[in-house]
């Protein structure tokens, strides 16, 4: 009984497996066919549009040339004096020159009876001179006063051509027709050898332009006797036999599936896309073989079949070995539990270590911030004397203006009182600006990077150091671009670094006769560079490799942390801080930061 139940269960599992296999196969193949067919249609629609534009562009090169020629005096003179051999010889040479310039196949002139009196090929054996083309529709249209267009095989050359004609008028009378012939093979040379087949057919579905030479002068549909008679009467294809291409499907519908019976063991299937040229009475068609889609479907079928077979065999193998491996599975479970316990212990230890490291990093960041703040306060301490002087001068002036205002008030000189009060207001604004700069520089940084412009940072550092520069009789020049340069940085920290570099430059020029500091802001390869150049004593070559090392200093009272911290801050901003000696004298410090291109582009717009 148990064996019967197991067999029934096995059969049900097998049927369910086969059902899933066929369901997956149907859904996958249907999706692949829909997606690939749609992509093939989109791709070949683009090819069809390009081919149509190519044809239209090539025809456009020649469409207006007959009209221009019809107005030339040499053409009119030839028709008016068709028995003048000298005039006709001159016209032949003129038409030959025009023919070479425009790259046409032939250019010729017909009299009002349709007989060629001058042609660009007058020196060739197959010259058109003397031939009558009154049977051609392009002549019949032009002699009636309308521009003519027509495609056909040349009755003399036997080559395919597209004919443009235009009437030659004189004294309100049509006296002749000028014709230019374009070689249709020019439309094919750039499209041969492609995976798709490009066809241009007339209204009878006869192929007269094709990337497949074997399809030329073949019809996509069987021709009736009336159609064959019409083709013979117009001599469009001369005496050529128009054979039928055994192709089936809806030829008049865009994105149709056509079948070509090529007399092989399997027919060839094409996706047909069509575009009509109503003015030319043409149909431009691209035939894209769907064989790649069929190969993809076959590959998908094999892949899904192989996958299901592999899964089915795997399940059978697992089922056969399940009982035999039970003890091994139990052992693996115990081993896994032991391993998990060990991992938990190690994870707990690692978490404790990570927490300790986070605490150390937090303490390090806190210490670094305190060092940065201490460095700021140290700079403020260095600036205190010059700042105090810069504040004392306005204070003294305010006291003087206030005392004078009292005297002027007693003497009822209100204009002088108002003038003194305005000066006092100006001086207090100046003191407030200095106080604001000091407050801004002294406040702690939050360390958050944001998009900032560099020019305001440099100008703020300059304003902060103005008193010290004045006290040390030092000239500072700035070369800043008018266009704002944006970087991602912390403005307070960056301003402090610029102040530190300027302060170092001041100290290096204590014994210089001419004290000059230059600040340059430039962009090189999407990198913004702030250069601080001085005319001091420069940097000892032995000290250059150690300049940014912590606690390295050449000053008696320095800690050797300023440049080290500055370099670390710039590194956190994805930039660099470098130093070198100038060629003439002094040192050059350079802050390099990546430019924010988005803000630069928006600023330019």
Protein backbone atom coordinates (compact mmCIF):
# COMPACT_ATOMS: atom_id res chain seq x y z
CA UNK A 1 0.00 0.00 0.00
CA UNK A 2 2.77 2.42 0.92
CA UNK A 3 4.54 1.62 -2.35
CA UNK A 4 1.39 2.47 -4.32
CA UNK A 5 1.05 5.79 -2.46
CA UNK A 6 4.70 6.63 -3.18
CA UNK A 7 4.28 5.78 -6.88
CA UNK A 8 1.13 7.93 -7.10
CA UNK A 9 2.92 10.80 -5.39
CA UNK A 10 5.89 10.44 -7.72
CA UNK A 11 3.61 10.56 -10.78
CA UNK A 12 1.89 13.70 -9.47
CA UNK A 13 5.22 15.40 -8.87
CA UNK A 14 6.34 14.46 -12.37
CA UNK A 15 3.13 15.82 -13.94
CA UNK A 16 3.45 19.02 -11.91
CA UNK A 17 7.07 19.33 -13.03
CA UNK A 18 6.09 18.89 -16.69
CA UNK A 19 3.28 21.44 -16.29
CA UNK A 20 5.72 24.01 -14.85
CA UNK A 21 8.21 23.23 -17.63
CA UNK A 22 5.70 23.84 -20.45
CA UNK A 23 4.24 26.90 -18.73
CA UNK A 24 7.72 28.43 -18.33
CA UNK A 25 8.53 27.54 -21.93
CA UNK A 26 5.36 29.16 -23.33
CA UNK A 27 5.64 32.35 -21.26
CA UNK A 28 9.37 32.79 -21.92
CA UNK A 29 9.12 32.17 -25.67
CA UNK A 30 6.09 34.46 -25.97
CA UNK A 31 7.87 37.25 -24.09
CA UNK A 32 11.09 36.80 -26.07
CA UNK A 33 9.20 36.87 -29.37
CA UNK A 34 7.24 40.01 -28.45
CA UNK A 35 10.32 41.85 -27.13
CA UNK A 36 12.67 40.82 -29.97
CA UNK A 37 10.06 41.53 -32.65
CA UNK A 38 9.40 44.98 -31.18
CA UNK A 39 13.13 45.77 -30.97
CA UNK A 40 13.64 44.54 -34.54
CA UNK A 41 10.78 46.77 -35.68
CA UNK A 42 12.20 49.85 -33.89
CA UNK A 43 15.72 49.28 -35.18
CA UNK A 44 14.66 48.72 -38.77
CA UNK A 45 12.20 51.62 -38.71
CA UNK A 46 15.21 53.81 -37.96
CA UNK A 47 17.10 52.19 -40.84
CA UNK A 48 14.11 52.77 -43.13
CA UNK A 49 13.93 56.43 -42.14
CA UNK A 50 17.66 56.86 -42.78
CA UNK A 51 17.40 55.16 -46.19
CA UNK A 52 14.39 57.32 -47.11
CA UNK A 53 16.24 60.49 -46.08
CA UNK A 54 19.26 59.28 -48.07
CA UNK A 55 17.11 58.88 -51.21
CA UNK A 56 15.40 62.22 -50.67
CA UNK A 57 18.77 63.93 -50.15
CA UNK A 58 20.29 62.39 -53.30
CA UNK A 59 17.28 63.38 -55.41
CA UNK A 60 17.34 66.88 -53.95
CA UNK A 61 20.85 67.40 -55.33
CA UNK A 62 19.51 67.27 -58.90
CA UNK A 63 15.90 68.47 -58.70
CA UNK A 64 16.51 72.18 -59.36
CA UNK A 65 19.40 71.89 -61.84
CA UNK A 66 17.21 71.55 -65.02
CA UNK A 67 15.26 74.65 -63.97
CA UNK A 68 18.51 76.61 -63.58
CA UNK A 69 19.83 75.36 -66.93
CA UNK A 70 16.56 76.27 -68.70
CA UNK A 71 17.16 79.95 -67.97
CA UNK A 72 20.71 80.09 -69.33
CA UNK A 73 21.20 81.97 -72.57
CA UNK A 74 23.44 79.28 -74.08
CA UNK A 75 20.56 76.75 -73.80
CA UNK A 76 18.02 79.13 -75.35
CA UNK A 77 20.46 80.06 -78.14
CA UNK A 78 21.02 76.37 -78.98
CA UNK A 79 17.28 75.78 -79.35
CA UNK A 80 16.79 78.94 -81.38
CA UNK A 81 19.69 78.05 -83.71
CA UNK A 82 19.59 74.26 -83.74
CA UNK A 83 21.25 74.19 -87.19
CA UNK A 84 24.26 76.19 -85.99
CA UNK A 85 26.98 73.56 -85.44
CA UNK A 86 29.27 75.97 -83.63
CA UNK A 87 26.53 76.92 -81.19
CA UNK A 88 25.64 73.25 -80.62
CA UNK A 89 29.31 72.34 -80.05
CA UNK A 90 29.56 75.11 -77.46
CA UNK A 91 26.35 73.84 -75.81
CA UNK A 92 27.67 70.25 -75.76
CA UNK A 93 30.80 71.34 -73.93
CA UNK A 94 28.77 73.45 -71.52
CA UNK A 95 26.47 70.51 -70.69
CA UNK A 96 29.50 68.24 -70.20
CA UNK A 97 30.99 70.73 -67.73
CA UNK A 98 27.72 70.99 -65.82
CA UNK A 99 27.39 67.20 -65.83
CA UNK A 100 30.83 66.76 -64.24
CA UNK A 101 30.22 69.45 -61.61
CA UNK A 102 26.93 68.02 -60.35
CA UNK A 103 28.00 64.37 -60.73
CA UNK A 104 25.10 63.41 -62.97
CA UNK A 105 24.99 60.47 -65.36
CA UNK A 106 23.95 62.51 -68.44
CA UNK A 107 22.66 66.00 -69.22
CA UNK A 108 20.98 66.71 -72.56
CA UNK A 109 18.73 69.12 -74.44
CA UNK A 110 15.61 68.18 -76.44
CA UNK A 111 13.89 70.35 -79.02
CA UNK A 112 10.15 70.78 -79.00
CA UNK A 113 9.74 67.54 -81.01
CA UNK A 114 11.66 65.51 -78.41
CA UNK A 115 14.84 65.08 -80.48
CA UNK A 116 18.19 65.47 -78.69
CA UNK A 117 20.18 68.36 -80.18
CA UNK A 118 22.92 68.64 -77.51
CA UNK A 119 24.22 66.26 -74.83
CA UNK A 120 27.05 65.91 -72.34
CA UNK A 121 27.96 62.55 -73.93
CA UNK A 122 28.26 63.94 -77.47
CA UNK A 123 31.74 62.36 -77.88
CA UNK A 124 30.66 58.81 -76.94
CA UNK A 125 29.44 56.12 -79.30
CA UNK A 126 26.24 55.82 -77.27
CA UNK A 127 25.54 59.58 -77.52
CA UNK A 128 21.94 60.75 -77.15
CA UNK A 129 22.27 63.29 -79.99
CA UNK A 130 19.73 62.56 -82.70
CA UNK A 131 17.63 60.23 -80.51
CA UNK A 132 14.00 61.08 -80.00
CA UNK A 133 12.59 60.74 -76.47
CA UNK A 134 9.12 62.14 -77.05
CA UNK A 135 7.67 58.83 -75.79
CA UNK A 136 9.13 59.42 -72.33
CA UNK A 137 6.71 60.84 -69.74
CA UNK A 138 9.33 63.29 -68.46
CA UNK A 139 9.37 64.92 -71.94
CA UNK A 140 5.59 64.93 -72.16
CA UNK A 141 5.24 66.65 -68.78
CA UNK A 142 7.91 69.26 -69.53
CA UNK A 143 6.67 70.13 -73.03
CA UNK A 144 3.31 70.88 -71.40
CA UNK A 145 5.08 73.42 -69.19
CA UNK A 146 5.43 71.39 -65.96
CA UNK A 147 8.57 69.93 -64.31
CA UNK A 148 8.99 66.26 -65.08
CA UNK A 149 10.32 63.35 -63.05
CA UNK A 150 10.62 59.77 -64.20
CA UNK A 151 12.64 56.65 -63.48
CA UNK A 152 13.41 54.07 -66.15
CA UNK A 153 16.14 52.14 -67.94
CA UNK A 154 17.95 54.28 -70.46
CA UNK A 155 16.85 53.39 -73.98
CA UNK A 156 20.40 54.06 -75.26
CA UNK A 157 22.62 53.06 -72.31
CA UNK A 158 20.35 50.41 -70.79
CA UNK A 159 21.29 51.70 -67.32
CA UNK A 160 18.89 52.68 -64.59
CA UNK A 161 18.34 56.40 -64.25
CA UNK A 162 16.12 58.98 -62.65
CA UNK A 163 15.26 61.79 -65.04
CA UNK A 164 14.59 65.42 -64.10
CA UNK A 165 13.20 67.62 -66.86
CA UNK A 166 12.16 71.25 -67.16
CA UNK A 167 10.67 73.28 -70.05
CA UNK A 168 12.78 75.91 -71.81
CA UNK A 169 10.57 78.92 -72.46
CA UNK A 170 11.18 81.81 -74.78
CA UNK A 171 8.72 84.58 -75.59
CA UNK A 172 5.95 82.80 -73.63
CA UNK A 173 6.44 79.64 -75.70
CA UNK A 174 7.98 76.28 -74.78
CA UNK A 175 10.79 75.75 -77.30
CA UNK A 176 12.46 72.71 -75.78
CA UNK A 177 13.19 70.57 -72.72
CA UNK A 178 16.40 70.26 -70.68
CA UNK A 179 16.95 66.88 -68.97
CA UNK A 180 19.40 65.63 -66.35
CA UNK A 181 19.78 61.94 -65.59
CA UNK A 182 20.86 60.62 -62.20
CA UNK A 183 22.48 57.19 -61.86
CA UNK A 184 20.26 55.24 -59.43
CA UNK A 185 23.12 52.93 -58.46
CA UNK A 186 24.43 55.84 -56.35
CA UNK A 187 21.55 55.18 -53.95
CA UNK A 188 22.61 51.57 -53.41
CA UNK A 189 26.35 51.68 -52.84
CA UNK A 190 26.15 52.86 -49.22
CA UNK A 191 23.49 50.29 -48.25
CA UNK A 192 24.90 47.10 -49.76
CA UNK A 193 26.15 44.35 -47.47
CA UNK A 194 23.85 45.16 -44.54
CA UNK A 195 21.87 42.56 -42.67
CA UNK A 196 18.63 44.12 -43.89
CA UNK A 197 17.51 44.27 -47.52
CA UNK A 198 16.42 47.66 -48.87
CA UNK A 199 14.00 47.86 -51.79
CA UNK A 200 12.39 50.64 -53.80
CA UNK A 201 9.41 49.55 -55.89
CA UNK A 202 7.12 51.33 -58.34
CA UNK A 203 3.33 51.24 -58.20
CA UNK A 204 3.41 47.80 -59.87
CA UNK A 205 5.65 46.50 -57.06
CA UNK A 206 8.56 46.12 -59.49
CA UNK A 207 11.95 46.46 -57.76
CA UNK A 208 14.19 49.04 -59.48
CA UNK A 209 16.50 49.94 -56.53
CA UNK A 210 17.75 47.24 -54.18
CA UNK A 211 20.67 46.36 -51.95
CA UNK A 212 20.09 42.80 -53.26
CA UNK A 213 21.13 42.87 -56.94
CA UNK A 214 19.37 39.56 -57.64
CA UNK A 215 15.98 41.21 -56.87
CA UNK A 216 16.34 44.01 -59.43
CA UNK A 217 13.62 44.04 -62.15
CA UNK A 218 11.56 41.49 -60.21
CA UNK A 219 8.04 42.01 -59.01
CA UNK A 220 6.88 41.37 -55.45
CA UNK A 221 3.43 40.44 -56.81
CA UNK A 222 2.43 38.65 -60.02
CA UNK A 223 1.82 41.14 -62.83
CA UNK A 224 -1.40 41.10 -64.77
CA UNK A 225 -1.42 41.23 -68.56
CA UNK A 226 -2.60 44.83 -68.44
CA UNK A 227 0.33 45.79 -66.20
CA UNK A 228 2.79 44.02 -68.50
CA UNK A 229 1.36 45.85 -71.53
CA UNK A 230 1.61 49.22 -69.74
CA UNK A 231 5.26 48.55 -68.87
CA UNK A 232 5.99 47.62 -72.50
CA UNK A 233 4.26 50.75 -73.79
CA UNK A 234 6.20 53.12 -71.49
CA UNK A 235 9.43 51.14 -72.09
CA UNK A 236 10.34 51.82 -68.50
CA UNK A 237 12.23 48.54 -68.26
CA UNK A 238 12.82 48.18 -72.02
CA UNK A 239 12.52 44.55 -73.06
CA UNK A 240 13.46 43.04 -69.70
CA UNK A 241 11.47 40.08 -68.45
CA UNK A 242 9.86 41.01 -65.10
CA UNK A 243 9.96 37.84 -63.01
CA UNK A 244 8.00 37.27 -59.83
CA UNK A 245 9.65 36.94 -56.40
CA UNK A 246 7.73 34.19 -54.57
CA UNK A 247 6.98 36.24 -51.47
CA UNK A 248 3.72 36.01 -49.51
CA UNK A 249 2.16 38.24 -46.92
CA UNK A 250 0.43 41.62 -46.73
CA UNK A 251 2.72 43.90 -48.75
CA UNK A 252 0.60 47.02 -48.15
CA UNK A 253 0.76 46.91 -44.33
CA UNK A 254 3.60 48.37 -42.31
CA UNK A 255 5.34 45.98 -39.90
CA UNK A 256 4.08 42.89 -41.72
CA UNK A 257 5.55 39.39 -41.60
CA UNK A 258 6.48 38.14 -45.10
CA UNK A 259 7.53 34.67 -46.22
CA UNK A 260 9.98 34.11 -49.06
CA UNK A 261 9.87 30.70 -50.69
CA UNK A 262 13.50 30.38 -51.76
CA UNK A 263 13.09 26.73 -52.80
CA UNK A 264 15.14 25.52 -49.87
CA UNK A 265 14.14 23.11 -47.15
CA UNK A 266 12.85 26.03 -45.05
CA UNK A 267 11.38 29.38 -46.22
CA UNK A 268 12.88 32.69 -45.13
CA UNK A 269 10.82 35.03 -42.96
CA UNK A 270 11.14 38.80 -43.05
CA UNK A 271 9.80 41.74 -41.08
CA UNK A 272 8.59 44.20 -43.74
CA UNK A 273 8.49 47.95 -43.07
CA UNK A 274 7.26 50.29 -45.79
CA UNK A 275 7.24 54.01 -46.46
CA UNK A 276 5.52 55.63 -49.44
CA UNK A 277 6.96 58.47 -51.54
CA UNK A 278 3.70 59.85 -52.89
CA UNK A 279 5.35 62.54 -55.04
CA UNK A 280 7.62 59.99 -56.69
CA UNK A 281 5.04 57.18 -56.76
CA UNK A 282 7.58 54.96 -54.97
CA UNK A 283 7.43 52.59 -52.06
CA UNK A 284 10.58 52.27 -49.97
CA UNK A 285 10.74 48.99 -48.09
CA UNK A 286 13.16 47.35 -45.67
CA UNK A 287 13.09 43.57 -45.21
CA UNK A 288 14.74 42.40 -41.99
CA UNK A 289 15.20 38.64 -41.56
CA UNK A 290 13.77 37.29 -38.33
CA UNK A 291 16.18 34.35 -38.35
CA UNK A 292 18.13 35.81 -35.36
CA UNK A 293 14.88 35.85 -33.36
CA UNK A 294 14.22 32.22 -34.25
CA UNK A 295 17.75 31.28 -33.21
CA UNK A 296 17.25 33.15 -29.92
CA UNK A 297 13.99 31.27 -29.34
CA UNK A 298 15.70 27.96 -30.10
CA UNK A 299 18.52 28.86 -27.72
CA UNK A 300 15.99 29.82 -25.04
CA UNK A 301 14.14 26.53 -25.58
CA UNK A 302 17.35 24.54 -25.18
CA UNK A 303 18.39 26.58 -22.14
CA UNK A 304 15.07 26.13 -20.32
CA UNK A 305 14.95 22.44 -21.21
CA UNK A 306 18.51 21.95 -19.99
CA UNK A 307 17.77 23.89 -16.81
CA UNK A 308 14.67 21.84 -15.99
CA UNK A 309 16.46 18.60 -16.80
CA UNK A 310 19.32 19.63 -14.57
CA UNK A 311 16.94 20.54 -11.75
CA UNK A 312 15.00 17.32 -12.21
CA UNK A 313 18.14 15.18 -12.14
CA UNK A 314 19.38 17.14 -9.13
CA UNK A 315 16.16 16.47 -7.25
CA UNK A 316 16.35 12.78 -8.08
CA UNK A 317 19.94 12.65 -6.88
CA UNK A 318 19.04 14.46 -3.68
CA UNK A 319 16.12 12.11 -3.10
CA UNK A 320 18.30 9.03 -3.57
CA UNK A 321 20.96 10.30 -1.19
CA UNK A 322 18.64 11.80 1.40
CA UNK A 323 18.45 8.78 3.69
CA UNK A 324 22.15 8.03 3.40
CA UNK A 325 23.11 11.58 4.33
CA UNK A 326 20.83 12.06 7.33
CA UNK A 327 23.57 11.36 9.85
CA UNK A 328 25.93 13.61 7.97
CA UNK A 329 23.29 16.38 7.99
CA UNK A 330 22.81 15.99 11.74
CA UNK A 331 26.56 16.21 12.23
CA UNK A 332 26.69 19.31 10.07
CA UNK A 333 23.87 20.87 12.11
CA UNK A 334 25.77 20.29 15.34
CA UNK A 335 28.94 21.62 13.78
CA UNK A 336 27.03 24.62 12.50
CA UNK A 337 25.57 25.31 15.94
CA UNK A 338 29.02 25.13 17.46
CA UNK A 339 30.36 27.41 14.76
CA UNK A 340 27.49 29.87 15.30
CA UNK A 341 28.25 29.92 19.02
CA UNK A 342 31.91 30.61 18.28
CA UNK A 343 30.93 33.31 15.78
CA UNK A 344 28.63 34.89 18.37
CA UNK A 345 31.49 35.00 20.86
CA UNK A 346 33.84 36.52 18.29
CA UNK A 347 31.13 38.95 17.14
CA UNK A 348 30.57 40.10 20.72
CA UNK A 349 34.31 40.67 21.14
CA UNK A 350 34.49 42.48 17.81
CA UNK A 351 31.53 44.69 18.75
CA UNK A 352 33.27 45.64 21.97
CA UNK A 353 36.46 46.38 20.02
CA UNK A 354 34.50 48.42 17.47
CA UNK A 355 32.84 50.41 20.24
CA UNK A 356 36.23 51.12 21.80
CA UNK A 357 37.57 52.19 18.41
CA UNK A 358 34.55 54.46 17.86
CA UNK A 359 35.18 56.03 21.26
CA UNK A 360 38.87 56.50 20.38
CA UNK A 361 37.97 58.03 17.02
CA UNK A 362 35.42 60.32 18.69
CA UNK A 363 38.03 61.38 21.24
CA UNK A 364 40.54 61.91 18.42
CA UNK A 365 38.05 64.05 16.48
CA UNK A 366 37.23 66.00 19.63
CA UNK A 367 40.93 66.53 20.30
CA UNK A 368 41.49 67.57 16.71
CA UNK A 369 38.64 70.10 16.95
CA UNK A 370 40.09 71.45 20.18
CA UNK A 371 43.51 71.71 18.52
CA UNK A 372 41.94 73.52 15.58
CA UNK A 373 40.12 75.88 17.94
CA UNK A 374 43.32 76.41 19.92
CA UNK A 375 45.15 77.19 16.70
CA UNK A 376 42.45 79.73 15.89
CA UNK A 377 42.76 81.36 19.28
CA UNK A 378 46.54 81.37 18.89
CA UNK A 379 46.15 83.20 15.58
CA UNK A 380 43.73 85.63 17.25
CA UNK A 381 46.31 86.13 19.98
CA UNK A 382 48.92 86.97 17.34
CA UNK A 383 46.46 89.38 15.77
CA UNK A 384 45.38 90.93 19.06
CA UNK A 385 47.95 93.76 19.05
CA UNK A 386 47.15 94.91 15.53
CA UNK A 387 43.39 94.41 16.10
CA UNK A 388 43.58 96.39 19.33
CA UNK A 389 45.31 99.17 17.42
CA UNK A 390 42.70 98.92 14.69
CA UNK A 391 39.94 99.31 17.32
CA UNK A 392 41.66 102.01 19.40
CA UNK A 393 41.91 104.40 16.44
CA UNK A 394 38.13 104.42 15.81
CA UNK A 395 37.48 104.66 19.58
CA UNK A 396 39.73 107.72 19.88
CA UNK A 397 38.09 109.26 16.85
CA UNK A 398 34.61 108.52 18.24
CA UNK A 399 35.52 110.21 21.56
CA UNK A 400 36.86 113.29 19.71
CA UNK A 401 33.81 113.51 17.41
CA UNK A 402 31.47 113.10 20.42
CA UNK A 403 33.22 115.89 22.39
CA UNK A 404 33.15 118.20 19.38
CA UNK A 405 29.46 117.37 18.84
CA UNK A 406 28.69 118.61 22.38
CA UNK A 407 30.51 121.87 21.68
CA UNK A 408 28.76 122.30 18.34
CA UNK A 409 25.45 121.56 20.01
CA UNK A 410 26.06 124.29 22.59
CA UNK A 411 26.84 126.68 19.75
CA UNK A 412 23.70 125.57 17.88
CA UNK A 413 25.72 124.30 14.90
CA UNK A 414 23.41 121.45 14.08
CA UNK A 415 24.95 120.72 10.65
CA UNK A 416 28.33 120.09 12.30
CA UNK A 417 26.65 117.95 14.96
CA UNK A 418 24.94 115.86 12.24
CA UNK A 419 28.25 115.48 10.37
CA UNK A 420 30.05 114.29 13.53
CA UNK A 421 27.28 111.84 14.35
CA UNK A 422 27.47 110.42 10.77
CA UNK A 423 31.23 109.91 11.18
CA UNK A 424 30.65 108.23 14.53
CA UNK A 425 28.10 105.89 12.85
CA UNK A 426 30.62 105.04 10.10
CA UNK A 427 33.32 104.29 12.69
CA UNK A 428 31.00 102.08 14.76
CA UNK A 429 30.07 100.16 11.60
CA UNK A 430 33.78 99.65 10.93
CA UNK A 431 34.30 98.37 14.50
CA UNK A 432 31.24 96.09 14.18
CA UNK A 433 32.66 94.66 10.93
CA UNK A 434 35.98 93.88 12.66
CA UNK A 435 34.11 92.33 15.61
CA UNK A 436 31.94 90.26 13.25
CA UNK A 437 35.00 88.95 11.43
CA UNK A 438 36.65 87.98 14.72
CA UNK A 439 33.45 86.30 15.94
CA UNK A 440 33.05 84.38 12.68
CA UNK A 441 36.67 83.25 12.73
CA UNK A 442 36.60 82.28 16.41
CA UNK A 443 33.45 80.15 16.34
CA UNK A 444 33.80 76.38 16.27
CA UNK A 445 33.36 74.50 13.01
CA UNK A 446 30.74 71.77 12.69
CA UNK A 447 32.98 69.94 10.20
CA UNK A 448 30.16 69.60 7.63
CA UNK A 449 31.26 69.93 4.01
CA UNK A 450 29.11 72.00 1.66
CA UNK A 451 29.35 73.74 -1.71
CA UNK A 452 30.98 77.16 -1.25
CA UNK A 453 32.59 79.84 -3.40
CA UNK A 454 36.34 80.32 -2.79
CA UNK A 455 36.53 84.09 -3.39
CA UNK A 456 34.54 85.07 -0.23
CA UNK A 457 36.74 82.78 1.94
CA UNK A 458 39.92 84.43 0.64
CA UNK A 459 38.46 87.93 1.03
CA UNK A 460 37.36 87.16 4.63
CA UNK A 461 40.88 85.95 5.51
CA UNK A 462 42.29 89.13 3.97
CA UNK A 463 39.91 91.32 5.99
CA UNK A 464 40.89 89.49 9.19
CA UNK A 465 44.61 90.05 8.58
CA UNK A 466 44.35 93.65 7.37
CA UNK A 467 45.41 95.14 10.75
CA UNK A 468 48.43 92.83 11.05
CA UNK A 469 49.41 93.48 7.43
CA UNK A 470 49.20 97.21 8.10
CA UNK A 471 51.16 96.90 11.33
CA UNK A 472 53.93 94.94 9.59
CA UNK A 473 53.94 97.26 6.56
CA UNK A 474 53.26 94.30 4.29
CA UNK A 475 51.63 94.59 0.88
CA UNK A 476 49.13 91.87 -0.12
CA UNK A 477 47.95 91.49 -3.70
CA UNK A 478 45.16 89.15 -4.83
CA UNK A 479 44.65 87.67 -8.28
CA UNK A 480 41.07 86.34 -8.22
CA UNK A 481 38.94 85.43 -11.26
CA UNK A 482 35.68 87.33 -11.74
CA UNK A 483 33.75 84.09 -12.18
CA UNK A 484 32.91 82.39 -8.87
CA UNK A 485 34.77 79.11 -8.31
CA UNK A 486 32.85 76.51 -6.28
CA UNK A 487 34.26 73.60 -4.26
CA UNK A 488 32.98 71.25 -1.56
CA UNK A 489 34.60 72.33 1.71
CA UNK A 490 34.02 73.57 5.28
CA UNK A 491 34.25 77.38 5.02
CA UNK A 492 35.41 78.10 8.61
CA UNK A 493 38.19 75.52 8.50
CA UNK A 494 39.27 76.62 5.02
CA UNK A 495 39.36 80.27 6.11
CA UNK A 496 41.50 79.29 9.13
CA UNK A 497 43.97 77.46 6.88
CA UNK A 498 44.28 80.49 4.58
CA UNK A 499 44.79 82.73 7.65
CA UNK A 500 47.48 80.34 8.96
CA UNK A 501 49.31 80.35 5.64
CA UNK A 502 49.16 84.17 5.47
CA UNK A 503 50.39 84.42 9.08
CA UNK A 504 53.29 82.06 8.29
CA UNK A 505 54.12 84.18 5.25
CA UNK A 506 54.14 87.32 7.44
CA UNK A 507 56.49 85.72 9.95
CA UNK A 508 58.86 84.51 7.20
CA UNK A 509 59.30 88.11 5.95
CA UNK A 510 60.20 89.76 9.27
CA UNK A 511 63.71 90.58 8.03
CA UNK A 512 62.80 91.27 4.38
CA UNK A 513 63.27 94.75 2.92
CA UNK A 514 60.29 94.53 0.60
CA UNK A 515 57.38 92.66 2.18
CA UNK A 516 54.95 91.37 -0.43
CA UNK A 517 52.43 88.49 -0.27
CA UNK A 518 50.52 87.30 -3.31
CA UNK A 519 47.34 85.21 -3.35
CA UNK A 520 46.45 83.56 -6.66
CA UNK A 521 43.25 81.59 -7.40
CA UNK A 522 43.38 79.54 -10.62
CA UNK A 523 41.81 76.41 -12.17
CA UNK A 524 43.97 73.67 -13.71
CA UNK A 525 42.31 70.51 -15.07
CA UNK A 526 39.14 70.90 -12.95
CA UNK A 527 41.26 71.56 -9.82
CA UNK A 528 40.97 74.89 -8.00
CA UNK A 529 44.31 76.07 -6.61
CA UNK A 530 44.83 78.73 -3.92
CA UNK A 531 48.49 79.79 -3.98
CA UNK A 532 50.08 81.86 -1.18
CA UNK A 533 53.46 83.27 -2.31
CA UNK A 534 55.81 85.30 -0.13
CA UNK A 535 59.22 86.92 -0.49
CA UNK A 536 60.64 85.60 2.75
CA UNK A 537 63.66 83.40 3.47
CA UNK A 538 62.05 80.29 1.99
CA UNK A 539 62.10 76.74 3.41
CA UNK A 540 65.26 74.83 4.22
CA UNK A 541 65.60 71.93 1.75
CA UNK A 542 66.25 69.55 4.67
CA UNK A 543 62.96 70.62 6.28
CA UNK A 544 60.72 70.25 3.20
CA UNK A 545 60.11 66.44 3.54
CA UNK A 546 59.11 66.86 7.21
CA UNK A 547 57.12 70.08 6.93
CA UNK A 548 53.69 68.47 7.40
CA UNK A 549 54.72 65.95 10.05
CA UNK A 550 53.07 66.39 13.50
CA UNK A 551 55.20 68.25 16.09
CA UNK A 552 57.81 69.27 13.50
CA UNK A 553 58.56 72.98 13.86
CA UNK A 554 61.38 75.45 13.30
CA UNK A 555 59.88 78.03 15.67
CA UNK A 556 61.05 78.32 19.26
CA UNK A 557 57.49 78.58 20.64
CA UNK A 558 55.64 76.51 18.02
CA UNK A 559 53.99 73.13 18.62
CA UNK A 560 54.42 71.91 15.03
CA UNK A 561 50.73 71.07 14.59
CA UNK A 562 49.45 73.91 12.38
CA UNK A 563 50.54 72.60 8.98
CA UNK A 564 49.89 68.97 9.95
CA UNK A 565 46.29 69.71 10.98
CA UNK A 566 45.79 71.94 7.95
CA UNK A 567 46.93 69.17 5.62
CA UNK A 568 44.63 66.66 7.33
CA UNK A 569 41.66 69.05 7.00
CA UNK A 570 42.36 69.58 3.28
CA UNK A 571 42.70 65.79 2.80
CA UNK A 572 39.24 65.36 4.36
CA UNK A 573 37.97 67.79 1.70
CA UNK A 574 39.44 65.48 -1.02
CA UNK A 575 42.20 68.01 -1.68
CA UNK A 576 45.93 68.47 -1.10
CA UNK A 577 48.18 71.00 0.63
CA UNK A 578 51.72 71.30 -0.73
CA UNK A 579 54.72 73.54 -0.20
CA UNK A 580 57.82 74.40 -2.21
CA UNK A 581 60.44 77.10 -2.60
CA UNK A 582 59.99 79.73 -5.29
CA UNK A 583 62.58 80.10 -8.05
CA UNK A 584 63.38 83.70 -7.08
CA UNK A 585 62.93 83.94 -3.31
CA UNK A 586 60.42 82.95 -0.68
CA UNK A 587 58.03 80.03 -0.42
CA UNK A 588 54.83 78.91 -2.13
CA UNK A 589 52.01 77.05 -0.38
CA UNK A 590 49.22 75.64 -2.57
CA UNK A 591 45.74 74.40 -1.56
CA UNK A 592 44.23 72.18 -4.29
CA UNK A 593 40.51 71.27 -4.23
CA UNK A 594 38.28 69.61 -6.87
CA UNK A 595 35.98 72.07 -8.65
CA UNK A 596 32.23 71.48 -8.33
CA UNK A 597 31.24 71.40 -12.03
CA UNK A 598 27.47 71.57 -11.47
CA UNK A 599 27.62 74.90 -9.67
CA UNK A 600 30.19 76.23 -12.16
CA UNK A 601 27.85 75.37 -15.08
CA UNK A 602 24.84 76.92 -13.33
CA UNK A 603 26.87 80.04 -12.58
CA UNK A 604 27.90 80.35 -16.24
CA UNK A 605 24.28 80.02 -17.38
